[in-house]
PDB file of N, CA and C in Angstrom:
ATOM      1  N   UNK A   1       0.628  -1.060  -0.027  1.00  0.00           N
ATOM      2  CA  UNK A   1       0.094  -0.120  -0.629  1.00  0.00           C
ATOM      3  C   UNK A   1       0.798   0.889  -0.205  1.00  0.00           C
ATOM      4  N   UNK A   2       1.777   1.370   0.188  1.00  0.00           N
ATOM      5  CA  UNK A   2       3.067   2.614   1.040  1.00  0.00           C
ATOM      6  C   UNK A   2       3.454   2.756  -0.908  1.00  0.00           C
ATOM      7  N   UNK A   3       3.953   1.771  -1.013  1.00  0.00           N
ATOM      8  CA  UNK A   3       3.864   2.039  -2.974  1.00  0.00           C
ATOM      9  C   UNK A   3       2.485   2.632  -3.706  1.00  0.00           C
ATOM     10  N   UNK A   4       1.929   1.954  -3.245  1.00  0.00           N
ATOM     11  CA  UNK A   4       0.823   2.719  -3.884  1.00  0.00           C
ATOM     12  C   UNK A   4       0.143   4.247  -3.809  1.00  0.00           C
ATOM     13  N   UNK A   5       0.862   4.714  -2.252  1.00  0.00           N
ATOM     14  CA  UNK A   5       0.651   6.338  -1.864  1.00  0.00           C
ATOM     15  C   UNK A   5       1.660   6.994  -2.666  1.00  0.00           C
ATOM     16  N   UNK A   6       2.591   6.271  -2.486  1.00  0.00           N
ATOM     17  CA  UNK A   6       4.222   7.407  -2.848  1.00  0.00           C
ATOM     18  C   UNK A   6       3.102   7.992  -4.150  1.00  0.00           C
ATOM     19  N   UNK A   7       2.810   6.269  -5.370  1.00  0.00           N
ATOM     20  CA  UNK A   7       2.282   6.612  -6.723  1.00  0.00           C
ATOM     21  C   UNK A   7       1.585   7.699  -7.044  1.00  0.00           C
ATOM     22  N   UNK A   8       0.649   7.675  -5.673  1.00  0.00           N
ATOM     23  CA  UNK A   8      -0.160   8.962  -5.871  1.00  0.00           C
ATOM     24  C   UNK A   8       0.202  10.362  -5.347  1.00  0.00           C
ATOM     25  N   UNK A   9       0.890  10.116  -4.484  1.00  0.00           N
ATOM     26  CA  UNK A   9       1.377  11.692  -4.270  1.00  0.00           C
ATOM     27  C   UNK A   9       2.277  12.338  -5.273  1.00  0.00           C
ATOM     28  N   UNK A  10       2.874  11.126  -5.862  1.00  0.00           N
ATOM     29  CA  UNK A  10       3.528  12.745  -7.661  1.00  0.00           C
ATOM     30  C   UNK A  10       2.904  12.418  -8.298  1.00  0.00           C
ATOM     31  N   UNK A  11       1.732  11.207  -8.742  1.00  0.00           N
ATOM     32  CA  UNK A  11       1.122  11.794  -9.638  1.00  0.00           C
ATOM     33  C   UNK A  11       0.203  12.800  -9.830  1.00  0.00           C
ATOM     34  N   UNK A  12       0.045  13.280  -8.071  1.00  0.00           N
ATOM     35  CA  UNK A  12      -1.048  14.477  -7.970  1.00  0.00           C
ATOM     36  C   UNK A  12      -0.682  16.128  -8.414  1.00  0.00           C
ATOM     37  N   UNK A  13       0.834  15.529  -8.488  1.00  0.00           N
ATOM     38  CA  UNK A  13       1.935  16.692  -9.311  1.00  0.00           C
ATOM     39  C   UNK A  13       1.371  17.359 -10.056  1.00  0.00           C
ATOM     40  N   UNK A  14       0.868  16.336 -11.023  1.00  0.00           N
ATOM     41  CA  UNK A  14       0.634  16.643 -12.298  1.00  0.00           C
ATOM     42  C   UNK A  14      -0.438  16.435 -12.812  1.00  0.00           C
ATOM     43  N   UNK A  15      -1.522  17.285 -12.777  1.00  0.00           N
ATOM     44  CA  UNK A  15      -2.860  17.186 -13.130  1.00  0.00           C
ATOM     45  C   UNK A  15      -3.885  18.207 -13.934  1.00  0.00           C
ATOM     46  N   UNK A  16      -4.091  18.032 -14.542  1.00  0.00           N
ATOM     47  CA  UNK A  16      -5.087  19.047 -15.544  1.00  0.00           C
ATOM     48  C   UNK A  16      -6.173  19.644 -15.022  1.00  0.00           C
ATOM     49  N   UNK A  17      -6.306  21.201 -15.325  1.00  0.00           N
ATOM     50  CA  UNK A  17      -7.347  22.433 -14.414  1.00  0.00           C
ATOM     51  C   UNK A  17      -8.481  20.950 -14.901  1.00  0.00           C
ATOM     52  N   UNK A  18      -9.548  21.064 -13.813  1.00  0.00           N
ATOM     53  CA  UNK A  18     -10.738  19.758 -14.133  1.00  0.00           C
ATOM     54  C   UNK A  18     -11.352  20.112 -12.419  1.00  0.00           C
ATOM     55  N   UNK A  19     -12.576  21.054 -12.251  1.00  0.00           N
ATOM     56  CA  UNK A  19     -13.441  21.362 -11.280  1.00  0.00           C
ATOM     57  C   UNK A  19     -13.575  19.929 -10.478  1.00  0.00           C
ATOM     58  N   UNK A  20     -13.518  19.242 -11.172  1.00  0.00           N
ATOM     59  CA  UNK A  20     -13.913  17.472 -10.548  1.00  0.00           C
ATOM     60  C   UNK A  20     -13.530  16.588 -10.099  1.00  0.00           C
ATOM     61  N   UNK A  21     -11.987  17.069 -10.794  1.00  0.00           N
ATOM     62  CA  UNK A  21     -10.420  16.054 -10.121  1.00  0.00           C
ATOM     63  C   UNK A  21     -10.377  17.504  -8.568  1.00  0.00           C
ATOM     64  N   UNK A  22     -10.080  18.307  -9.233  1.00  0.00           N
ATOM     65  CA  UNK A  22     -10.005  19.517  -7.450  1.00  0.00           C
ATOM     66  C   UNK A  22     -10.345  18.492  -7.019  1.00  0.00           C
ATOM     67  N   UNK A  23     -12.209  18.522  -6.862  1.00  0.00           N
ATOM     68  CA  UNK A  23     -12.405  17.853  -5.445  1.00  0.00           C
ATOM     69  C   UNK A  23     -12.149  16.977  -4.854  1.00  0.00           C
ATOM     70  N   UNK A  24     -11.602  16.091  -6.092  1.00  0.00           N
ATOM     71  CA  UNK A  24     -11.316  14.720  -5.489  1.00  0.00           C
ATOM     72  C   UNK A  24     -10.310  14.837  -5.085  1.00  0.00           C
ATOM     73  N   UNK A  25      -9.159  15.702  -5.128  1.00  0.00           N
ATOM     74  CA  UNK A  25      -8.164  16.163  -4.862  1.00  0.00           C
ATOM     75  C   UNK A  25      -8.058  16.860  -3.593  1.00  0.00           C
ATOM     76  N   UNK A  26      -9.154  17.347  -3.340  1.00  0.00           N
ATOM     77  CA  UNK A  26      -8.815  18.040  -2.183  1.00  0.00           C
ATOM     78  C   UNK A  26      -9.429  17.591  -0.712  1.00  0.00           C
ATOM     79  N   UNK A  27      -9.870  16.484  -0.749  1.00  0.00           N
ATOM     80  CA  UNK A  27     -10.305  15.644   0.300  1.00  0.00           C
ATOM     81  C   UNK A  27      -8.696  14.749   0.713  1.00  0.00           C
ATOM     82  N   UNK A  28      -8.863  14.323   1.866  1.00  0.00           N
ATOM     83  CA  UNK A  28      -7.894  13.862   2.592  1.00  0.00           C
ATOM     84  C   UNK A  28      -7.359  12.572   2.114  1.00  0.00           C
ATOM     85  N   UNK A  29      -8.006  11.611   1.548  1.00  0.00           N
ATOM     86  CA  UNK A  29      -7.456  10.900   1.387  1.00  0.00           C
ATOM     87  C   UNK A  29      -8.317   9.564   0.296  1.00  0.00           C
ATOM     88  N   UNK A  30      -6.722   9.771  -0.599  1.00  0.00           N
ATOM     89  CA  UNK A  30      -7.749   9.444  -2.108  1.00  0.00           C
ATOM     90  C   UNK A  30      -7.669   7.920  -2.018  1.00  0.00           C
ATOM     91  N   UNK A  31      -8.677   7.339  -2.521  1.00  0.00           N
ATOM     92  CA  UNK A  31      -8.666   5.750  -2.193  1.00  0.00           C
ATOM     93  C   UNK A  31      -8.609   5.102  -4.076  1.00  0.00           C
ATOM     94  N   UNK A  32      -9.176   4.195  -4.241  1.00  0.00           N
ATOM     95  CA  UNK A  32      -9.025   2.998  -5.641  1.00  0.00           C
ATOM     96  C   UNK A  32     -10.119   3.417  -6.468  1.00  0.00           C
ATOM     97  N   UNK A  33     -11.464   4.006  -5.539  1.00  0.00           N
ATOM     98  CA  UNK A  33     -12.673   4.239  -6.373  1.00  0.00           C
ATOM     99  C   UNK A  33     -12.664   6.132  -6.986  1.00  0.00           C
ATOM    100  N   UNK A  34     -11.540   6.432  -5.878  1.00  0.00           N
ATOM    101  CA  UNK A  34     -11.644   7.738  -6.556  1.00  0.00           C
ATOM    102  C   UNK A  34     -10.579   7.405  -7.856  1.00  0.00           C
ATOM    103  N   UNK A  35      -9.499   6.589  -7.666  1.00  0.00           N
ATOM    104  CA  UNK A  35      -8.751   6.511  -9.034  1.00  0.00           C
ATOM    105  C   UNK A  35      -9.081   6.407  -9.977  1.00  0.00           C
ATOM    106  N   UNK A  36      -9.742   5.098 -10.314  1.00  0.00           N
ATOM    107  CA  UNK A  36     -10.932   5.017 -10.663  1.00  0.00           C
ATOM    108  C   UNK A  36     -11.206   6.014 -11.745  1.00  0.00           C
ATOM    109  N   UNK A  37     -11.684   6.843 -10.677  1.00  0.00           N
ATOM    110  CA  UNK A  37     -13.151   8.360 -11.045  1.00  0.00           C
ATOM    111  C   UNK A  37     -11.774   9.232 -12.049  1.00  0.00           C
ATOM    112  N   UNK A  38     -10.849   9.099 -11.537  1.00  0.00           N
ATOM    113  CA  UNK A  38      -9.728  10.315 -12.246  1.00  0.00           C
ATOM    114  C   UNK A  38      -9.666   9.791 -13.594  1.00  0.00           C
ATOM    115  N   UNK A  39      -9.382   8.348 -13.574  1.00  0.00           N
ATOM    116  CA  UNK A  39      -8.990   8.070 -14.377  1.00  0.00           C
ATOM    117  C   UNK A  39     -10.288   8.207 -16.064  1.00  0.00           C
ATOM    118  N   UNK A  40     -10.965   8.189 -15.406  1.00  0.00           N
ATOM    119  CA  UNK A  40     -12.877   7.877 -16.462  1.00  0.00           C
ATOM    120  C   UNK A  40     -12.287   9.571 -16.745  1.00  0.00           C
ATOM    121  N   UNK A  41     -12.141  10.978 -16.027  1.00  0.00           N
ATOM    122  CA  UNK A  41     -12.290  12.106 -16.159  1.00  0.00           C
ATOM    123  C   UNK A  41     -10.904  12.177 -17.231  1.00  0.00           C
ATOM    124  N   UNK A  42      -9.396  11.417 -17.180  1.00  0.00           N
ATOM    125  CA  UNK A  42      -8.311  11.761 -17.183  1.00  0.00           C
ATOM    126  C   UNK A  42      -8.979  11.240 -19.278  1.00  0.00           C
ATOM    127  N   UNK A  43      -9.680  10.775 -19.352  1.00  0.00           N
ATOM    128  CA  UNK A  43     -10.199   9.797 -20.527  1.00  0.00           C
ATOM    129  C   UNK A  43     -10.986  10.391 -21.396  1.00  0.00           C
ATOM    130  N   UNK A  44     -11.306  11.589 -20.872  1.00  0.00           N
ATOM    131  CA  UNK A  44     -11.943  12.951 -21.615  1.00  0.00           C
ATOM    132  C   UNK A  44     -11.186  14.209 -21.882  1.00  0.00           C
ATOM    133  N   UNK A  45     -10.224  14.701 -20.871  1.00  0.00           N
ATOM    134  CA  UNK A  45      -8.764  15.120 -20.234  1.00  0.00           C
ATOM    135  C   UNK A  45      -8.318  15.255 -22.386  1.00  0.00           C
ATOM    136  N   UNK A  46      -7.655  13.754 -22.001  1.00  0.00           N
ATOM    137  CA  UNK A  46      -6.609  13.598 -22.469  1.00  0.00           C
ATOM    138  C   UNK A  46      -6.230  12.138 -23.947  1.00  0.00           C
ATOM    139  N   UNK A  47      -8.250  12.647 -23.826  1.00  0.00           N
ATOM    140  CA  UNK A  47      -8.509  12.056 -25.609  1.00  0.00           C
ATOM    141  C   UNK A  47      -7.166  12.826 -26.866  1.00  0.00           C
ATOM    142  N   UNK A  48      -6.859  13.227 -27.025  1.00  0.00           N
ATOM    143  CA  UNK A  48      -6.044  13.800 -28.037  1.00  0.00           C
ATOM    144  C   UNK A  48      -4.948  13.238 -28.016  1.00  0.00           C
ATOM    145  N   UNK A  49      -4.535  12.942 -26.847  1.00  0.00           N
ATOM    146  CA  UNK A  49      -2.806  12.193 -26.912  1.00  0.00           C
ATOM    147  C   UNK A  49      -3.116  10.401 -26.963  1.00  0.00           C
ATOM    148  N   UNK A  50      -4.197  10.499 -27.786  1.00  0.00           N
ATOM    149  CA  UNK A  50      -4.500   8.487 -27.925  1.00  0.00           C
ATOM    150  C   UNK A  50      -3.165   8.078 -29.197  1.00  0.00           C
ATOM    151  N   UNK A  51      -2.765   7.121 -29.363  1.00  0.00           N
ATOM    152  CA  UNK A  51      -1.741   7.171 -30.227  1.00  0.00           C
ATOM    153  C   UNK A  51      -2.575   5.734 -31.331  1.00  0.00           C
ATOM    154  N   UNK A  52      -1.564   5.683 -32.342  1.00  0.00           N
ATOM    155  CA  UNK A  52      -2.139   4.795 -33.200  1.00  0.00           C
ATOM    156  C   UNK A  52      -3.200   3.827 -32.639  1.00  0.00           C
ATOM    157  N   UNK A  53      -3.263   3.379 -32.356  1.00  0.00           N
ATOM    158  CA  UNK A  53      -3.154   1.510 -31.371  1.00  0.00           C
ATOM    159  C   UNK A  53      -4.322   1.834 -30.099  1.00  0.00           C
ATOM    160  N   UNK A  54      -4.577   3.317 -30.030  1.00  0.00           N
ATOM    161  CA  UNK A  54      -5.769   3.461 -29.118  1.00  0.00           C
ATOM    162  C   UNK A  54      -5.358   3.705 -27.413  1.00  0.00           C
ATOM    163  N   UNK A  55      -3.660   3.524 -27.273  1.00  0.00           N
ATOM    164  CA  UNK A  55      -3.087   3.648 -25.867  1.00  0.00           C
ATOM    165  C   UNK A  55      -2.923   5.100 -25.648  1.00  0.00           C
ATOM    166  N   UNK A  56      -3.141   5.490 -24.322  1.00  0.00           N
ATOM    167  CA  UNK A  56      -2.762   7.110 -24.524  1.00  0.00           C
ATOM    168  C   UNK A  56      -1.060   7.115 -24.005  1.00  0.00           C
ATOM    169  N   UNK A  57      -0.706   8.128 -24.699  1.00  0.00           N
ATOM    170  CA  UNK A  57       0.970   8.588 -24.522  1.00  0.00           C
ATOM    171  C   UNK A  57       0.998   9.691 -23.627  1.00  0.00           C
ATOM    172  N   UNK A  58       0.055  10.127 -23.348  1.00  0.00           N
ATOM    173  CA  UNK A  58       0.024  11.291 -21.908  1.00  0.00           C
ATOM    174  C   UNK A  58       0.544  10.189 -20.541  1.00  0.00           C
ATOM    175  N   UNK A  59       1.384  10.821 -19.856  1.00  0.00           N
ATOM    176  CA  UNK A  59       2.395  10.426 -18.788  1.00  0.00           C
ATOM    177  C   UNK A  59       1.627  10.760 -17.652  1.00  0.00           C
ATOM    178  N   UNK A  60       0.854  11.516 -17.880  1.00  0.00           N
ATOM    179  CA  UNK A  60      -0.461  11.043 -16.750  1.00  0.00           C
ATOM    180  C   UNK A  60      -1.494  10.920 -17.141  1.00  0.00           C
ATOM    181  N   UNK A  61      -1.708  10.179 -17.952  1.00  0.00           N
ATOM    182  CA  UNK A  61      -2.876   8.787 -18.144  1.00  0.00           C
ATOM    183  C   UNK A  61      -2.073   7.625 -17.279  1.00  0.00           C
ATOM    184  N   UNK A  62      -0.626   7.948 -18.179  1.00  0.00           N
ATOM    185  CA  UNK A  62      -0.104   6.093 -17.378  1.00  0.00           C
ATOM    186  C   UNK A  62       0.043   5.970 -15.940  1.00  0.00           C
ATOM    187  N   UNK A  63      -0.044   7.367 -15.477  1.00  0.00           N
ATOM    188  CA  UNK A  63       0.569   6.890 -13.872  1.00  0.00           C
ATOM    189  C   UNK A  63      -0.699   7.035 -13.355  1.00  0.00           C
ATOM    190  N   UNK A  64      -1.748   7.215 -13.762  1.00  0.00           N
ATOM    191  CA  UNK A  64      -3.396   6.825 -13.136  1.00  0.00           C
ATOM    192  C   UNK A  64      -3.430   5.516 -13.105  1.00  0.00           C
ATOM    193  N   UNK A  65      -2.915   4.937 -14.231  1.00  0.00           N
ATOM    194  CA  UNK A  65      -3.594   3.503 -15.097  1.00  0.00           C
ATOM    195  C   UNK A  65      -2.485   2.818 -13.864  1.00  0.00           C
ATOM    196  N   UNK A  66      -1.393   2.980 -13.897  1.00  0.00           N
ATOM    197  CA  UNK A  66      -0.534   2.237 -12.866  1.00  0.00           C
ATOM    198  C   UNK A  66      -1.053   2.062 -11.805  1.00  0.00           C
ATOM    199  N   UNK A  67      -1.363   3.177 -10.844  1.00  0.00           N
ATOM    200  CA  UNK A  67      -2.035   3.638  -9.898  1.00  0.00           C
ATOM    201  C   UNK A  67      -2.958   2.427  -9.422  1.00  0.00           C
ATOM    202  N   UNK A  68      -4.019   2.450 -10.850  1.00  0.00           N
ATOM    203  CA  UNK A  68      -5.515   1.633 -10.220  1.00  0.00           C
ATOM    204  C   UNK A  68      -4.698   0.407 -10.597  1.00  0.00           C
ATOM    205  N   UNK A  69      -3.929  -0.613 -12.050  1.00  0.00           N
ATOM    206  CA  UNK A  69      -3.439  -1.633 -11.901  1.00  0.00           C
ATOM    207  C   UNK A  69      -2.467  -1.839 -10.737  1.00  0.00           C
ATOM    208  N   UNK A  70      -1.630  -1.125  -9.455  1.00  0.00           N
ATOM    209  CA  UNK A  70      -1.610  -1.597  -8.356  1.00  0.00           C
ATOM    210  C   UNK A  70      -2.161  -1.779  -7.609  1.00  0.00           C
ATOM    211  N   UNK A  71      -3.186  -0.995  -7.344  1.00  0.00           N
ATOM    212  CA  UNK A  71      -4.450  -1.120  -6.400  1.00  0.00           C
ATOM    213  C   UNK A  71      -5.173  -3.017  -7.125  1.00  0.00           C
ATOM    214  N   UNK A  72      -4.988  -2.962  -8.132  1.00  0.00           N
ATOM    215  CA  UNK A  72      -6.044  -4.676  -8.484  1.00  0.00           C
ATOM    216  C   UNK A  72      -5.547  -5.480  -8.609  1.00  0.00           C
ATOM    217  N   UNK A  73      -4.001  -5.383  -8.701  1.00  0.00           N
ATOM    218  CA  UNK A  73      -2.821  -6.466  -8.349  1.00  0.00           C
ATOM    219  C   UNK A  73      -2.460  -7.183  -6.885  1.00  0.00           C
ATOM    220  N   UNK A  74      -3.167  -8.062  -6.589  1.00  0.00           N
ATOM    221  CA  UNK A  74      -3.422  -8.842  -5.598  1.00  0.00           C
ATOM    222  C   UNK A  74      -4.764  -8.208  -4.686  1.00  0.00           C
ATOM    223  N   UNK A  75      -5.562  -7.864  -5.323  1.00  0.00           N
ATOM    224  CA  UNK A  75      -7.395  -7.185  -5.328  1.00  0.00           C
ATOM    225  C   UNK A  75      -6.515  -6.724  -3.375  1.00  0.00           C
ATOM    226  N   UNK A  76      -5.982  -5.317  -3.484  1.00  0.00           N
ATOM    227  CA  UNK A  76      -5.701  -4.713  -2.687  1.00  0.00           C
ATOM    228  C   UNK A  76      -6.654  -3.629  -2.296  1.00  0.00           C
ATOM    229  N   UNK A  77      -7.602  -3.665  -3.391  1.00  0.00           N
ATOM    230  CA  UNK A  77      -8.757  -2.526  -3.610  1.00  0.00           C
ATOM    231  C   UNK A  77      -9.952  -3.111  -3.119  1.00  0.00           C
ATOM    232  N   UNK A  78     -10.082  -4.480  -3.288  1.00  0.00           N
ATOM    233  CA  UNK A  78     -11.060  -5.733  -1.963  1.00  0.00           C
ATOM    234  C   UNK A  78     -11.127  -4.659  -0.468  1.00  0.00           C
ATOM    235  N   UNK A  79      -9.502  -5.189   0.280  1.00  0.00           N
ATOM    236  CA  UNK A  79      -9.303  -4.305   1.113  1.00  0.00           C
ATOM    237  C   UNK A  79     -10.243  -3.732   1.573  1.00  0.00           C
ATOM    238  N   UNK A  80      -9.728  -2.025   0.474  1.00  0.00           N
ATOM    239  CA  UNK A  80      -9.772  -0.559   0.691  1.00  0.00           C
ATOM    240  C   UNK A  80     -11.526  -0.770   0.654  1.00  0.00           C
ATOM    241  N   UNK A  81     -12.036  -1.789  -0.237  1.00  0.00           N
ATOM    242  CA  UNK A  81     -13.442  -1.102   0.029  1.00  0.00           C
ATOM    243  C   UNK A  81     -14.636  -1.426   1.264  1.00  0.00           C
ATOM    244  N   UNK A  82     -14.030  -3.131   1.707  1.00  0.00           N
ATOM    245  CA  UNK A  82     -14.251  -3.217   2.583  1.00  0.00           C
ATOM    246  C   UNK A  82     -14.349  -2.600   3.704  1.00  0.00           C
ATOM    247  N   UNK A  83     -12.926  -1.655   3.964  1.00  0.00           N
ATOM    248  CA  UNK A  83     -12.756  -0.317   5.129  1.00  0.00           C
ATOM    249  C   UNK A  83     -13.869   0.592   5.153  1.00  0.00           C
ATOM    250  N   UNK A  84     -14.010   0.763   3.634  1.00  0.00           N
ATOM    251  CA  UNK A  84     -14.989   2.168   3.543  1.00  0.00           C
ATOM    252  C   UNK A  84     -15.997   1.617   3.848  1.00  0.00           C
ATOM    253  N   UNK A  85     -16.478  -0.235   3.741  1.00  0.00           N
ATOM    254  CA  UNK A  85     -18.071  -0.089   3.476  1.00  0.00           C
ATOM    255  C   UNK A  85     -18.428  -0.546   5.337  1.00  0.00           C
ATOM    256  N   UNK A  86     -16.910  -0.663   6.169  1.00  0.00           N
ATOM    257  CA  UNK A  86     -17.434  -0.732   7.462  1.00  0.00           C
ATOM    258  C   UNK A  86     -17.619  -0.030   8.216  1.00  0.00           C
ATOM    259  N   UNK A  87     -16.973   2.010   7.413  1.00  0.00           N
ATOM    260  CA  UNK A  87     -17.459   3.125   7.673  1.00  0.00           C
ATOM    261  C   UNK A  87     -18.472   3.398   8.021  1.00  0.00           C
TER     262      UNK A  87
END
């Protein structure tokens, strides 16, 4: 989880001007579902960076896709979802 937090901390340094992203980043703790939402928003803002194969060439998008992938690896996101549901 520490590696994910470090990736998130680095990725939030380079974000587009978007009101919904600002609101998400204003929260105290970004979790898996916030990261998924950020990727969805970036699909709109970074649409012009798609290459010939339909992949994003934007480093911003690559960073957030990697964060989501890290959460999904070893099912880390399930534990986070269970904690959120328990609150």
